[in-house]
Structures are given as C-alpha cells and as structure tokens.
Protein backbone atom coordinates (compact mmCIF):
# COMPACT_ATOMS: atom_id res chain seq x y z
CA MET A 1 106.60 60.68 89.95
CA LEU A 2 105.99 59.66 93.55
CA ILE A 3 109.13 59.91 95.66
CA VAL A 4 109.28 57.38 98.50
CA LEU A 5 111.47 58.60 101.32
CA ASP A 6 113.67 56.31 103.39
CA ILE A 7 112.46 57.11 106.91
CA ASP A 8 114.28 55.42 109.81
CA LEU A 9 112.85 56.19 113.25
CA HIS A 10 114.89 53.97 115.58
CA CYS A 11 118.67 53.91 116.09
CA HIS A 12 121.31 54.33 118.79
CA SER A 13 124.57 56.22 119.26
CA THR A 14 127.39 56.05 121.80
CA CYS A 15 125.23 58.18 124.10
CA SER A 16 123.51 54.89 124.98
CA ASP A 17 124.58 51.51 123.58
CA GLY A 18 125.50 52.29 119.98
CA THR A 19 129.06 52.21 118.65
CA LEU A 20 129.02 55.42 116.56
CA GLN A 21 129.13 58.99 117.81
CA PRO A 22 125.93 60.92 116.95
CA ALA A 23 127.52 62.85 114.06
CA ASP A 24 129.10 59.71 112.60
CA LEU A 25 125.76 57.93 112.90
CA ILE A 26 124.06 60.68 110.89
CA ARG A 27 126.74 60.60 108.20
CA ARG A 28 126.48 56.82 107.85
CA ALA A 29 122.70 56.99 107.55
CA ALA A 30 122.91 59.72 104.93
CA ALA A 31 125.51 57.81 102.93
CA ARG A 32 123.23 54.78 102.91
CA GLY A 33 120.26 56.71 101.56
CA VAL A 34 118.25 57.63 104.67
CA ASP A 35 116.23 60.82 104.15
CA VAL A 36 114.67 61.19 107.61
CA LEU A 37 116.26 59.87 110.81
CA ALA A 38 115.26 59.76 114.47
CA LEU A 39 117.94 59.19 117.07
CA THR A 40 116.30 57.18 119.87
CA ASP A 41 118.98 56.45 122.44
CA HIS A 42 117.99 54.48 125.51
CA ASP A 43 116.76 56.70 128.34
CA THR A 44 118.83 59.75 127.37
CA LEU A 45 118.54 62.88 125.25
CA ASP A 46 122.27 63.66 125.32
CA GLY A 47 123.02 63.01 121.64
CA LEU A 48 120.12 64.90 120.10
CA ALA A 49 121.75 68.32 119.68
CA LEU A 50 124.87 66.85 118.05
CA ALA A 51 122.79 64.66 115.77
CA ARG A 52 120.53 67.57 114.79
CA ASP A 53 123.51 69.72 113.81
CA ALA A 54 125.09 66.90 111.81
CA ALA A 55 121.79 66.21 110.03
CA GLN A 56 121.48 69.87 109.08
CA ALA A 57 125.01 69.77 107.64
CA VAL A 58 124.17 66.85 105.32
CA GLY A 59 120.66 68.02 104.42
CA MET A 60 118.84 65.30 106.32
CA HIS A 61 115.52 65.83 108.11
CA PHE A 62 116.08 65.00 111.80
CA ILE A 63 113.48 63.85 114.34
CA PRO A 64 114.39 64.05 118.05
CA GLY A 65 113.54 60.84 119.86
CA VAL A 66 114.21 58.55 122.80
CA GLU A 67 113.64 54.90 123.75
CA ILE A 68 112.38 54.40 127.30
CA SER A 69 112.59 51.16 129.28
CA VAL A 70 109.34 50.33 131.05
CA THR A 71 108.02 47.49 133.18
CA TRP A 72 104.65 46.01 132.23
CA ARG A 73 103.39 42.97 134.16
CA ALA A 74 106.93 42.17 135.35
CA GLN A 75 108.30 42.27 131.78
CA THR A 76 110.62 44.86 130.27
CA ILE A 77 109.07 46.65 127.30
CA HIS A 78 110.52 49.50 125.26
CA VAL A 79 108.58 52.59 124.19
CA VAL A 80 109.99 54.99 121.61
CA GLY A 81 109.09 58.67 121.82
CA LEU A 82 109.21 60.54 118.49
CA ASP A 83 109.22 64.25 117.65
CA ILE A 84 109.72 65.16 121.29
CA ASP A 85 110.79 68.42 122.89
CA PRO A 86 114.15 67.50 124.52
CA SER A 87 113.78 70.32 127.05
CA ALA A 88 110.39 69.18 128.41
CA PRO A 89 110.85 69.09 132.24
CA GLN A 90 108.68 66.01 132.90
CA LEU A 91 110.60 63.94 130.34
CA VAL A 92 114.02 65.20 131.44
CA GLU A 93 113.34 64.47 135.12
CA GLY A 94 111.79 61.08 134.40
CA LEU A 95 114.78 59.93 132.35
CA HIS A 96 117.14 61.03 135.11
CA THR A 97 115.40 58.58 137.43
CA VAL A 98 115.62 55.77 134.88
CA ARG A 99 119.37 56.31 134.38
CA ARG A 100 120.00 56.17 138.12
CA ASP A 101 118.21 52.81 138.25
CA ARG A 102 120.22 51.52 135.27
CA LEU A 103 123.52 51.90 137.12
CA GLU A 104 122.13 50.06 140.14
CA ARG A 105 121.09 47.16 137.88
CA ALA A 106 124.56 47.06 136.28
CA HIS A 107 126.20 46.48 139.68
CA ARG A 108 123.80 43.61 140.37
CA MET A 109 124.47 42.07 136.95
CA SER A 110 128.21 42.15 137.56
CA GLU A 111 127.75 40.45 140.93
CA ALA A 112 125.59 37.76 139.34
CA LEU A 113 128.22 37.03 136.68
CA ALA A 114 131.00 36.93 139.28
CA ALA A 115 128.99 34.30 141.15
CA VAL A 116 129.28 31.97 138.12
CA GLY A 117 132.99 32.51 137.67
CA ILE A 118 133.21 35.63 135.48
CA PRO A 119 134.63 38.37 137.73
CA ASP A 120 135.12 42.10 137.12
CA VAL A 121 132.61 42.38 134.29
CA LEU A 122 131.41 45.79 135.44
CA SER A 123 134.78 47.47 134.92
CA GLY A 124 135.09 45.92 131.47
CA ALA A 125 131.59 47.00 130.47
CA LEU A 126 132.20 50.52 131.78
CA ALA A 127 135.33 50.77 129.62
CA LEU A 128 133.14 50.23 126.57
CA ALA A 129 130.48 52.77 127.56
CA ASN A 130 130.73 56.35 126.37
CA ASN A 131 128.08 57.27 128.94
CA PRO A 132 128.47 55.33 132.23
CA GLY A 133 124.98 56.36 133.28
CA LEU A 134 123.56 54.42 130.33
CA LEU A 135 125.36 51.15 130.96
CA SER A 136 123.30 48.39 129.33
CA ARG A 137 123.24 44.67 128.70
CA THR A 138 124.76 45.37 125.29
CA HIS A 139 127.90 46.78 126.93
CA PHE A 140 128.10 43.66 129.08
CA ALA A 141 127.66 41.51 125.97
CA ARG A 142 130.43 43.34 124.09
CA HIS A 143 132.78 42.86 127.02
CA LEU A 144 132.02 39.13 127.20
CA VAL A 145 132.88 38.86 123.49
CA GLN A 146 136.03 40.93 123.93
CA ARG A 147 137.06 38.70 126.81
CA GLY A 148 136.52 35.51 124.82
CA VAL A 149 133.74 34.15 127.03
CA VAL A 150 131.43 33.96 123.98
CA ALA A 151 131.92 34.25 120.23
CA ASP A 152 129.50 37.08 119.54
CA ILE A 153 126.91 39.37 121.07
CA SER A 154 124.05 37.04 120.21
CA GLN A 155 125.69 34.24 122.24
CA ALA A 156 126.32 36.62 125.13
CA PHE A 157 122.62 37.36 125.39
CA GLN A 158 121.56 33.77 124.75
CA HIS A 159 123.83 32.26 127.42
CA TYR A 160 124.10 34.99 130.03
CA LEU A 161 121.87 38.05 129.64
CA VAL A 162 118.26 37.00 129.06
CA PRO A 163 115.69 35.83 131.63
CA GLY A 164 116.68 32.53 133.18
CA LYS A 165 120.41 33.01 132.52
CA PRO A 166 123.01 33.82 135.19
CA GLY A 167 123.74 37.43 134.23
CA TYR A 168 120.14 38.55 133.86
CA VAL A 169 118.81 40.69 136.69
CA PRO A 170 115.08 41.48 136.73
CA HIS A 171 114.41 45.13 137.30
CA ASP A 172 111.43 47.43 137.71
CA TRP A 173 111.61 50.35 135.30
CA SER A 174 109.05 53.13 135.04
CA ALA A 175 105.44 52.10 134.50
CA LEU A 176 104.11 51.94 130.94
CA ASN A 177 101.56 54.71 131.45
CA THR A 178 104.18 56.90 133.15
CA ALA A 179 106.62 56.68 130.24
CA VAL A 180 103.89 57.36 127.69
CA GLN A 181 102.82 60.37 129.78
CA TRP A 182 106.40 61.74 129.69
CA ILE A 183 106.44 61.43 125.90
CA CYS A 184 103.05 63.04 125.45
CA ALA A 185 103.97 65.86 127.84
CA ALA A 186 107.00 66.50 125.62
CA GLY A 187 104.71 66.90 122.61
CA GLY A 188 105.80 63.56 121.16
CA ARG A 189 104.16 60.43 119.86
CA ALA A 190 104.59 57.17 121.79
CA VAL A 191 105.48 54.07 119.74
CA LEU A 192 105.58 50.48 121.01
CA ALA A 193 109.05 49.31 119.97
CA HIS A 194 109.73 45.96 118.22
CA PRO A 195 106.69 44.12 119.67
CA GLY A 196 107.76 40.85 118.07
CA ARG A 197 110.77 40.66 120.40
CA TYR A 198 108.79 40.15 123.58
CA ASN A 199 107.56 36.60 122.93
CA LEU A 200 104.15 37.40 124.33
CA SER A 201 101.18 35.10 123.98
CA ALA A 202 98.30 36.39 121.87
CA GLY A 203 96.36 37.20 125.03
CA ALA A 204 99.26 39.03 126.68
CA LEU A 205 99.98 41.01 123.52
CA ASP A 206 96.33 42.01 123.32
CA ALA A 207 96.43 43.17 126.96
CA LEU A 208 99.64 45.14 126.33
CA LEU A 209 98.17 46.89 123.30
CA VAL A 210 94.99 47.74 125.16
CA ASP A 211 96.98 49.20 128.07
CA PHE A 212 99.26 51.04 125.65
CA ARG A 213 96.33 52.66 123.84
CA LEU A 214 94.64 53.61 127.12
CA ALA A 215 97.86 55.25 128.29
CA GLY A 216 97.98 57.42 125.16
CA GLY A 217 100.18 55.28 122.93
CA ALA A 218 99.78 56.14 119.26
CA ALA A 219 101.85 53.77 117.12
CA ILE A 220 103.59 50.43 116.80
CA GLU A 221 106.79 49.44 115.04
CA VAL A 222 105.89 47.17 112.13
CA ILE A 223 109.04 47.23 110.00
CA THR A 224 112.10 46.95 112.23
CA GLY A 225 115.46 45.22 112.24
CA SER A 226 114.23 43.24 115.24
CA HIS A 227 111.40 41.63 113.24
CA ALA A 228 111.42 38.72 110.80
CA VAL A 229 109.46 38.95 107.54
CA ASP A 230 106.56 37.03 109.08
CA ASP A 231 106.43 39.63 111.84
CA TYR A 232 106.03 42.38 109.25
CA HIS A 233 102.77 40.82 108.06
CA ARG A 234 101.59 39.94 111.55
CA PHE A 235 102.04 43.45 112.93
CA GLU A 236 100.62 45.04 109.79
CA HIS A 237 97.33 43.33 110.65
CA ILE A 238 97.68 44.17 114.35
CA ALA A 239 98.30 47.87 113.64
CA ARG A 240 95.15 48.04 111.54
CA HIS A 241 93.10 46.08 114.07
CA TYR A 242 94.03 48.37 116.97
CA GLY A 243 93.93 51.59 114.98
CA LEU A 244 97.58 52.35 115.59
CA PHE A 245 99.89 54.34 113.36
CA ALA A 246 102.81 52.34 111.97
CA SER A 247 106.50 53.07 112.44
CA ARG A 248 109.67 51.87 110.77
CA GLY A 249 113.24 51.76 112.11
CA SER A 250 116.40 49.73 111.78
CA ASP A 251 117.23 49.65 115.52
CA PHE A 252 120.79 50.20 114.30
CA HIS A 253 123.48 49.99 116.99
CA GLY A 254 126.65 49.76 114.93
CA PRO A 255 128.24 48.29 111.81
CA GLY A 256 128.16 44.50 111.96
CA GLU A 257 125.79 44.40 114.92
CA GLY A 258 122.15 43.38 114.80
CA ASN A 259 120.06 42.33 111.83
CA SER A 260 119.76 45.55 109.83
CA ASP A 261 121.90 48.45 108.71
CA PHE A 262 120.59 51.78 107.49
CA GLY A 263 118.89 51.62 104.11
CA GLU A 264 118.11 47.89 104.20
CA LEU A 265 114.53 47.73 105.46
CA PRO A 266 111.45 47.41 103.23
CA HIS A 267 109.00 50.28 103.28
CA LEU A 268 105.78 50.23 105.29
CA PRO A 269 102.85 48.45 103.66
CA PRO A 270 100.59 50.97 101.88
CA SER A 271 97.61 49.76 103.92
CA LEU A 272 99.02 51.44 107.05
CA GLN A 273 98.93 55.04 108.24
CA PRO A 274 102.55 56.04 109.00
CA VAL A 275 103.36 57.64 112.33
CA TRP A 276 104.82 60.53 110.30
CA HIS A 277 101.68 61.06 108.18
CA ASP A 278 101.10 64.60 109.47
CA TRP A 279 104.73 65.70 109.80
CA GLU A 280 106.37 68.02 107.29
CA VAL A 281 108.41 65.08 105.96
CA ALA A 282 105.21 63.41 104.73
CA GLY A 283 104.68 65.97 102.01
C-alpha cells in the first residue's frame, strides 16, 4: 500500500513572527499528523537546532529552512530556502544584514503610525517579539489588535500595514539573485514562496519566474495556506510550464492565525515533481 506522507515545508516559530517556541511547534505538527517539517523562520536560523532536537524526540523528519525577504522591481517577495546548511558563512552573513535592516524599518513604521495618531507602537510590538532583531509587520499587527485599534490581524494589515496604508514603509531588502545565491551556497533549494499573494499581473509574474529561474531558483509553492483553491490549480499549471519543482507548506504562524493549521492542506497534485523528490523522505 502506498503511504502518502504529510510534508509541510513552511512554518514559523517565535524566533521570527510565530507564536510557538520551536519545540512546541514541532510537537503540535507531530500531533496533527505531519511526518516531515521544515522550519522556515523569516531571515533567521536561530530556531533550527531546537526544532531539530525536538523533531528527533518525536520521530519526525526535520528539514532546516529559512524564509528570506527580497526586493524585486520595488516589490517585496519571499524566497524559502530548504535543506540548507545553517552554518554556511555566506547565508549566515547575508541574514545578519537583513536583520539589521528589519530593525531600521520597524522604527520607521512606528513613526508613520504615530503620525496618524497611534503612538508608541514600537514598544508594544517589541514586547510581543521573542527576537527583537526579527521584528515584523505581524508583531505590529498583533499589538494593534491587543490595543483595540483593530479587531483582528487581518484588519491590521488591511487598514494599516499594506502598501498605500499609513503604517506601511517601503523597504529595499536583498536582491532576488543574491538571496537565491545564499541558499544555493548553503547547499539548499530555493523556493518562491506563496506566489499568489503578490497580486502580480500575468506579465509581471512571468518576468519574476524568469528572473527566479535564471538566479538558480528551483521550486514554487503550489499548495500553501496563503493560496485559495483556485490558486492551487493555477500554480500547478505554472509549475509545469516553467519546469519548477513544487512545494507544499501551511505557512503556520500560530493557533488561530492565518488560513491553515498543520495537517489541513491537500497533497500536491500527482502531475508535479515535488521539491523533495530526491530527498531521503521521498522513499
């Protein structure tokens, strides 16, 4: 009988903007039926050792990963690195630069929100961050909810933290080809994260995928908590058209947050070549 593994290659812990400690994250995933998990915190490798040890304790196959913020044509795009070497110097040094820039952006976001009558947001967001160097829009959103400015995280983003809204601050991250190079230098595979979230025109998406492939990108997320069902079918066709491996991940941040918990996603369509096709977990 063919055994289909539950493979989740995108989630976050308190080392970036998740709400669960790495070990607790692993235990939740295992309890909900995940067989293989990648921790892909934003721009940091800090939680990987703890997650690896916890995965070993529960008999789960663990994949070290990261999610890197990049700027492509003035737009923020996320690239996931999978099966990386967390000690690779080029990756470690590159992420240090990204984290430094994150804190600078956080100060500017707080100033922008103060200008529209919401003061001291930075201190509130910092109080919710386990790692101050990885302060993100999600921490700002949680603080705005906690403070009663909005009802939930979705409203916080919709009204304050997306382009065109008062708390959004445009920022230049690392270049797309640079981030992919860091991942490849660490022995990993670069995956374009949740492409349906970027609201790109067909032409812009085509240009992004071409640039991503030229940079050394290998895969695209098809099944993800950030995609609707229609997106699953759309990016199934796109993955085949561009010759990209397919990835799958909940983009889990915490219980009750986002669109998908561990163990809830459909499996990849059989027409696609999984990003893990040549890993030990594939057998």
